[in-house]
Structures are given as C-alpha cells and as structure tokens.
Amino acid sequence: MEDFSKGQFDKKIDIGLKKKELEKKYGAYFSQTSNNISPELEGEWLNQIGQFEQQFEKNETTTVWDYLGKPAYRKASEIKSVEISEELNNLMDNMNQQHIVLDTLCHVDERELYRFITEELFLHEIENIRINGMDTCFIYEDFYPNAEYDIRQLYDYFFRMTMAKMENIGGEGYDLLYINTSDYEDANGKNLDKNEVVKSINTFLDSFDYFEFISNEIENISINEDKTDAKLIFKIMYKGCFNNSPEFMDYKGKGYLKLKPSEYGGWDIYHINLPGMKI
C-alpha cells in the first residue's frame, strides 16, 4: 500500500476532482497515472489542461504579429548584409521570449528566414492561447518543403523500417508506408497490380531472417523542375542472412528509386530497383 501523508492524500483528492471536472466539462479522458508522478506535478499538468480548454473554448484567433505585441521591424530588403544576422537574432529572441518558436530542418539563408518571419509568419493566424510554459512552434519546411531533404529521409526510412522487416501495423506483411503500391510502375512505366507488388516485396523480405548492410551510399538525387517526379540513385552492398547459420546471399551494385509527391506530404516510392529484389 502507498504511504501518503495527509497533505499528499488531500492533493490526490484534489487531482481526482479536477479530472472529473475536466471529463464532465470538456470530455477529457485520463488513463491510469503512473505513481512516479508527484501530486504537485500532476496537479500543475491538470491546471494547464484546464487553462488550455478554457481558452480554446473561446475560439479566439490572432496573428503571430499581434500575439507578439506588434513589434517594430525593418523590411528585409532594407537591411544591409552585415546587419542581417543581428536583426534576425533579435527578432527570434523576442519571439522565443513570447513563446513563439521557429525551427528549420535544413540550412536556410538568414535573409530568407528574416523575410519569411516578417512577411509571412507574422500574418499567420494562431489560437490566442497563453499558458505558462507552453510554446507555439513552427517549422520553416512546413511552409517551404525541402524536396531533397524529404527524399533522403524517405530513403533512410526504407532501409531502417522496410528492409529491417518491421511489421506492418494493422495488417499482414512488413512496413511499406512510403511505397505507393496502388500506383506502382514497372521499369517500362506500366502500372502493376497492388496485390502483386505487396506480395513480391513481402516474399523477398521473407526469403531471409535479416539483412546485413556492408555499404549504402546515395550517388545522386534528381528532381524535375515542377517537383512532380524524382529519381534517387544509390550504390549498395548487403547480405541476406539466416539465423543460426553461416549461409548468406551476397548482393551488390547500383540501384534506384523513382518517387512522386505524396498526397499526405513528402514523397512516395513508385518504383524500386534494388539488387536482389525483383518486382
């Protein structure tokens, strides 16, 4: 049995009442809370949830610029090159102090980042919610996707998840999340049946217990001007291995992936040319 002091016991009662109030008023649901969380921390967390729901219920929106208190700023075109770093740092420091955070996944030129903040992000509408310790976060690439970065991330996912034989969540076979099996094409551009594509990939993966990668290098990524099609060329050396056996199959050579933008954001693979895998 847990050993509570009277004060802790009273706090547990308060927490239980807060949860019931949030459940009744906002339809919140709370699973069993870990005993490792102190009553003080859990109480503060519930208070923040209550504050968020109260402010969200008002359905008030504002622009980022208004949220920041309408700070004065200079136009990006008027700032000299030697001044842009300081102006950007001052601008982002002010945003961070007001709990507006902007991050980038890739390198973005300082002048472009300053222009984006003052000409676009400042006009962006957000919920007018202010809670101590809560940040409103943005990522530059959500507004201006970096196609090459997304393709490299997809390539990493393909080997880290699909070729690692991660199970398909909610279905049979393996993780084919970023493979467009519905619009998959063969080497001649002919559409293939989805079931045949899935079966071919899973059959190859099932041929071995695991894969050991010796080397794996991206040689080139080409993206058409409209960013509607891309090709990634790679050079690879790997083994198809069996558990508790010295036997293996050796695969090496060049391969490529053909990709198109996904309707859900990012890119999807619509053709795989991988040494050893035939579809």
Protein backbone atom coordinates (compact mmCIF):
# COMPACT_ATOMS: atom_id res chain seq x y z
CA MET A 1 0.00 0.00 0.00
CA GLU A 2 1.24 3.51 -0.83
CA ASP A 3 2.33 5.58 2.16
CA PHE A 4 0.70 9.03 1.82
CA SER A 5 0.90 11.88 4.31
CA LYS A 6 -2.37 13.75 4.97
CA GLY A 7 -1.21 16.57 2.70
CA GLN A 8 -0.45 14.18 -0.15
CA PHE A 9 -3.76 12.41 0.38
CA ASP A 10 -5.60 15.76 0.15
CA LYS A 11 -3.74 16.57 -3.06
CA LYS A 12 -4.74 13.18 -4.51
CA ILE A 13 -8.37 14.01 -3.77
CA ASP A 14 -7.99 17.41 -5.45
CA ILE A 15 -6.46 15.76 -8.51
CA GLY A 16 -9.33 13.30 -8.70
CA LEU A 17 -11.86 16.12 -8.54
CA LYS A 18 -10.01 18.11 -11.22
CA LYS A 19 -10.04 15.10 -13.52
CA LYS A 20 -13.78 14.57 -13.00
CA GLU A 21 -14.41 18.26 -13.72
CA LEU A 22 -12.37 18.15 -16.96
CA GLU A 23 -14.06 14.91 -18.02
CA LYS A 24 -17.52 16.34 -17.40
CA LYS A 25 -16.94 19.79 -18.89
CA TYR A 26 -14.64 19.04 -21.84
CA GLY A 27 -15.00 15.30 -22.42
CA ALA A 28 -11.39 14.65 -21.40
CA TYR A 29 -10.19 11.11 -20.79
CA PHE A 30 -7.41 10.15 -18.38
CA SER A 31 -5.75 6.75 -18.29
CA GLN A 32 -4.15 5.36 -15.15
CA THR A 33 -1.46 7.79 -13.97
CA SER A 34 2.00 6.48 -13.10
CA ASN A 35 2.80 6.50 -9.39
CA ASN A 36 6.17 8.03 -10.31
CA ILE A 37 4.48 11.38 -10.96
CA SER A 38 4.30 13.57 -7.90
CA PRO A 39 0.90 15.01 -6.88
CA GLU A 40 2.35 18.52 -7.34
CA LEU A 41 3.45 17.84 -10.92
CA GLU A 42 0.23 16.08 -11.84
CA GLY A 43 -1.80 18.90 -10.35
CA GLU A 44 0.13 21.51 -12.36
CA TRP A 45 -0.36 19.45 -15.50
CA LEU A 46 -4.12 19.29 -14.92
CA ASN A 47 -4.21 23.03 -14.29
CA GLN A 48 -2.53 23.64 -17.65
CA ILE A 49 -5.02 21.35 -19.38
CA GLY A 50 -7.87 23.26 -17.75
CA GLN A 51 -6.40 26.61 -18.83
CA PHE A 52 -5.93 25.37 -22.37
CA GLU A 53 -9.50 24.09 -22.63
CA GLN A 54 -10.93 27.32 -21.19
CA GLN A 55 -9.03 29.49 -23.65
CA PHE A 56 -9.62 27.14 -26.58
CA GLU A 57 -13.36 27.17 -25.86
CA LYS A 58 -13.41 30.93 -26.51
CA ASN A 59 -12.33 30.22 -30.09
CA GLU A 60 -10.24 33.38 -30.30
CA THR A 61 -7.61 33.70 -33.01
CA THR A 62 -4.95 36.29 -33.65
CA THR A 63 -1.96 36.79 -35.91
CA VAL A 64 1.56 35.95 -34.79
CA TRP A 65 2.47 39.64 -35.05
CA ASP A 66 -0.43 40.66 -32.77
CA TYR A 67 0.40 37.81 -30.40
CA LEU A 68 3.94 39.19 -30.09
CA GLY A 69 2.65 42.67 -29.26
CA LYS A 70 3.12 44.16 -32.76
CA PRO A 71 6.90 44.52 -32.56
CA ALA A 72 8.63 47.04 -34.82
CA TYR A 73 10.81 45.56 -37.55
CA ARG A 74 12.63 46.59 -40.71
CA LYS A 75 11.92 45.21 -44.16
CA ALA A 76 14.35 42.50 -45.24
CA SER A 77 15.22 44.45 -48.40
CA GLU A 78 16.32 47.46 -46.33
CA ILE A 79 18.80 45.57 -44.13
CA LYS A 80 22.47 45.51 -45.06
CA SER A 81 24.25 42.17 -45.30
CA VAL A 82 26.45 42.95 -42.28
CA GLU A 83 23.33 43.65 -40.19
CA ILE A 84 21.10 40.72 -41.09
CA SER A 85 22.49 38.27 -38.50
CA GLU A 86 21.93 40.66 -35.61
CA GLU A 87 18.47 41.67 -36.83
CA LEU A 88 17.44 38.02 -37.18
CA ASN A 89 18.81 37.06 -33.77
CA ASN A 90 17.00 39.98 -32.11
CA LEU A 91 13.78 39.06 -33.86
CA MET A 92 13.95 35.39 -32.88
CA ASP A 93 14.97 36.22 -29.30
CA ASN A 94 11.84 38.36 -28.99
CA MET A 95 9.71 35.56 -30.44
CA ASN A 96 11.18 32.99 -28.06
CA GLN A 97 10.50 35.25 -25.08
CA GLN A 98 6.86 35.35 -26.15
CA HIS A 99 6.83 31.54 -26.61
CA ILE A 100 6.72 31.59 -30.42
CA VAL A 101 9.39 29.19 -31.69
CA LEU A 102 10.59 28.77 -35.28
CA ASP A 103 12.91 25.91 -36.25
CA THR A 104 14.40 24.73 -39.54
CA LEU A 105 15.26 21.19 -40.61
CA CYS A 106 17.82 22.33 -43.19
CA HIS A 107 20.04 25.34 -43.70
CA VAL A 108 18.04 28.43 -44.62
CA ASP A 109 19.68 31.70 -45.65
CA GLU A 110 19.41 34.29 -42.87
CA ARG A 111 17.84 36.94 -45.09
CA GLU A 112 15.26 34.45 -46.36
CA LEU A 113 14.44 33.39 -42.81
CA TYR A 114 14.02 37.03 -41.75
CA ARG A 115 11.85 37.70 -44.82
CA PHE A 116 9.71 34.64 -44.08
CA ILE A 117 9.11 35.71 -40.49
CA THR A 118 8.22 39.33 -41.22
CA GLU A 119 6.31 38.84 -44.47
CA GLU A 120 4.57 35.51 -43.89
CA LEU A 121 4.76 34.12 -40.37
CA PHE A 122 3.70 37.44 -38.81
CA LEU A 123 0.46 37.22 -40.84
CA HIS A 124 -0.22 33.60 -39.88
CA GLU A 125 -3.28 33.08 -37.66
CA ILE A 126 -2.97 31.10 -34.44
CA GLU A 127 -5.15 30.29 -31.45
CA ASN A 128 -4.93 33.10 -28.92
CA ILE A 129 -3.90 30.82 -26.07
CA ARG A 130 -1.36 31.80 -23.43
CA ILE A 131 -0.28 29.23 -20.87
CA ASN A 132 2.87 29.45 -18.82
CA GLY A 133 5.48 27.05 -20.20
CA MET A 134 3.63 26.33 -23.46
CA ASP A 135 5.24 27.24 -26.79
CA THR A 136 3.63 27.66 -30.20
CA CYS A 137 6.07 26.01 -32.61
CA PHE A 138 6.59 26.35 -36.36
CA ILE A 139 8.94 24.65 -38.82
CA TYR A 140 10.06 26.57 -41.91
CA GLU A 141 9.89 23.46 -44.09
CA ASP A 142 6.18 23.05 -43.31
CA PHE A 143 5.71 26.20 -45.40
CA TYR A 144 8.53 25.58 -47.89
CA PRO A 145 9.19 21.83 -48.12
CA ASN A 146 12.74 20.78 -48.96
CA ALA A 147 12.25 18.02 -51.52
CA GLU A 148 15.79 16.65 -51.35
CA TYR A 149 15.68 16.51 -47.54
CA ASP A 150 12.34 14.68 -47.62
CA ILE A 151 13.64 12.18 -50.18
CA ARG A 152 16.75 11.46 -48.11
CA GLN A 153 14.53 10.91 -45.06
CA LEU A 154 12.35 8.51 -47.05
CA TYR A 155 15.43 6.61 -48.26
CA ASP A 156 16.60 6.23 -44.67
CA TYR A 157 13.13 5.04 -43.63
CA PHE A 158 13.04 2.45 -46.41
CA PHE A 159 16.17 0.72 -45.11
CA ARG A 160 15.59 1.36 -41.41
CA MET A 161 12.00 0.08 -41.45
CA THR A 162 11.05 -1.83 -44.61
CA MET A 163 14.37 -3.61 -45.16
CA ALA A 164 14.64 -4.14 -41.39
CA LYS A 165 11.43 -6.18 -41.72
CA MET A 166 9.37 -4.04 -39.38
CA GLU A 167 5.87 -5.46 -39.21
CA ASN A 168 3.03 -3.65 -40.93
CA ILE A 169 0.90 -2.06 -38.21
CA GLY A 170 -2.70 -3.12 -38.63
CA GLY A 171 -2.05 -5.61 -41.41
CA GLU A 172 -0.02 -8.53 -42.64
CA GLY A 173 3.49 -8.33 -44.01
CA TYR A 174 6.02 -5.56 -43.49
CA ASP A 175 6.09 -1.78 -43.27
CA LEU A 176 5.50 -0.39 -46.77
CA LEU A 177 4.31 3.01 -45.55
CA TYR A 178 6.10 5.13 -48.15
CA ILE A 179 5.75 2.75 -51.08
CA ASN A 180 2.87 3.71 -53.37
CA THR A 181 1.66 0.20 -54.05
CA SER A 182 -1.54 1.49 -55.69
CA ASP A 183 0.31 3.36 -58.47
CA TYR A 184 3.44 1.26 -58.64
CA GLU A 185 5.11 1.04 -62.06
CA ASP A 186 7.48 -1.48 -63.58
CA ALA A 187 10.72 -0.49 -65.33
CA ASN A 188 8.76 0.32 -68.50
CA GLY A 189 6.27 2.59 -66.77
CA LYS A 190 3.43 0.08 -66.75
CA ASN A 191 1.16 0.07 -63.69
CA LEU A 192 1.23 -3.16 -61.68
CA ASP A 193 -1.46 -4.73 -59.57
CA LYS A 194 -1.23 -3.59 -55.96
CA ASN A 195 -1.58 -7.08 -54.51
CA GLU A 196 1.22 -8.38 -56.73
CA VAL A 197 3.51 -5.54 -55.68
CA VAL A 198 2.88 -6.15 -51.96
CA LYS A 199 3.30 -9.91 -52.43
CA SER A 200 6.60 -9.50 -54.32
CA ILE A 201 8.13 -7.23 -51.70
CA ASN A 202 6.99 -9.35 -48.76
CA THR A 203 8.15 -12.56 -50.47
CA PHE A 204 11.64 -11.16 -50.92
CA LEU A 205 11.79 -9.94 -47.31
CA ASP A 206 10.55 -13.34 -46.12
CA SER A 207 13.38 -15.06 -48.00
CA PHE A 208 15.80 -14.13 -45.20
CA ASP A 209 15.73 -13.72 -41.46
CA TYR A 210 17.56 -10.39 -41.62
CA PHE A 211 19.75 -8.20 -43.83
CA GLU A 212 23.28 -7.06 -43.08
CA PHE A 213 24.31 -3.86 -44.88
CA ILE A 214 28.00 -3.50 -45.70
CA SER A 215 27.77 -0.18 -47.54
CA ASN A 216 24.97 2.05 -48.72
CA GLU A 217 25.62 5.35 -50.48
CA ILE A 218 23.38 7.83 -52.27
CA GLU A 219 25.08 8.86 -55.50
CA ASN A 220 22.59 11.29 -56.97
CA ILE A 221 19.12 12.77 -56.48
CA SER A 222 17.45 14.39 -59.48
CA ILE A 223 14.15 16.27 -59.16
CA ASN A 224 12.27 17.67 -62.13
CA GLU A 225 11.60 21.40 -62.33
CA ASP A 226 7.96 21.09 -61.25
CA LYS A 227 8.93 18.83 -58.34
CA THR A 228 6.43 16.22 -59.50
CA ASP A 229 8.91 13.41 -60.09
CA ALA A 230 12.32 12.39 -58.74
CA LYS A 231 14.93 9.68 -59.03
CA LEU A 232 17.43 8.61 -56.37
CA ILE A 233 20.45 6.57 -57.50
CA PHE A 234 22.42 4.61 -54.91
CA LYS A 235 25.25 2.11 -54.61
CA ILE A 236 24.81 -0.73 -52.15
CA MET A 237 26.36 -3.90 -50.79
CA TYR A 238 24.41 -6.14 -48.42
CA LYS A 239 23.78 -9.71 -47.34
CA GLY A 240 20.61 -11.72 -46.89
CA CYS A 241 21.23 -13.75 -43.74
CA PHE A 242 19.68 -16.64 -41.82
CA ASN A 243 19.52 -17.04 -38.05
CA ASN A 244 21.96 -19.59 -36.58
CA SER A 245 23.54 -20.24 -39.96
CA PRO A 246 26.74 -19.13 -41.71
CA GLU A 247 24.92 -19.21 -45.04
CA PHE A 248 24.03 -15.94 -46.73
CA MET A 249 23.26 -14.38 -50.10
CA ASP A 250 25.51 -11.55 -51.27
CA TYR A 251 24.00 -8.59 -53.18
CA LYS A 252 25.80 -5.54 -54.52
CA GLY A 253 25.60 -2.96 -57.27
CA LYS A 254 23.73 0.17 -58.22
CA GLY A 255 20.04 0.68 -57.77
CA TYR A 256 17.49 3.47 -57.92
CA LEU A 257 14.15 4.61 -56.59
CA LYS A 258 11.55 6.58 -58.52
CA LEU A 259 9.43 8.92 -56.45
CA LYS A 260 6.43 11.20 -56.64
CA PRO A 261 4.97 13.66 -54.11
CA SER A 262 2.60 12.03 -51.64
CA GLU A 263 -0.90 13.39 -51.15
CA TYR A 264 -0.14 13.31 -47.43
CA GLY A 265 3.03 15.39 -47.74
CA GLY A 266 6.59 14.31 -48.50
CA TRP A 267 7.27 11.72 -51.21
CA ASP A 268 6.31 8.14 -52.08
CA ILE A 269 8.27 5.45 -53.92
CA TYR A 270 6.56 4.18 -57.08
CA HIS A 271 9.38 2.02 -58.44
CA ILE A 272 12.22 0.13 -56.72
CA ASN A 273 15.32 -1.15 -58.45
CA LEU A 274 17.30 -2.87 -55.71
CA PRO A 275 19.91 -5.59 -56.33
CA GLY A 276 18.22 -8.83 -55.30
CA MET A 277 14.65 -7.51 -55.22
CA LYS A 278 12.63 -8.14 -58.37
CA ILE A 279 9.12 -6.72 -58.74
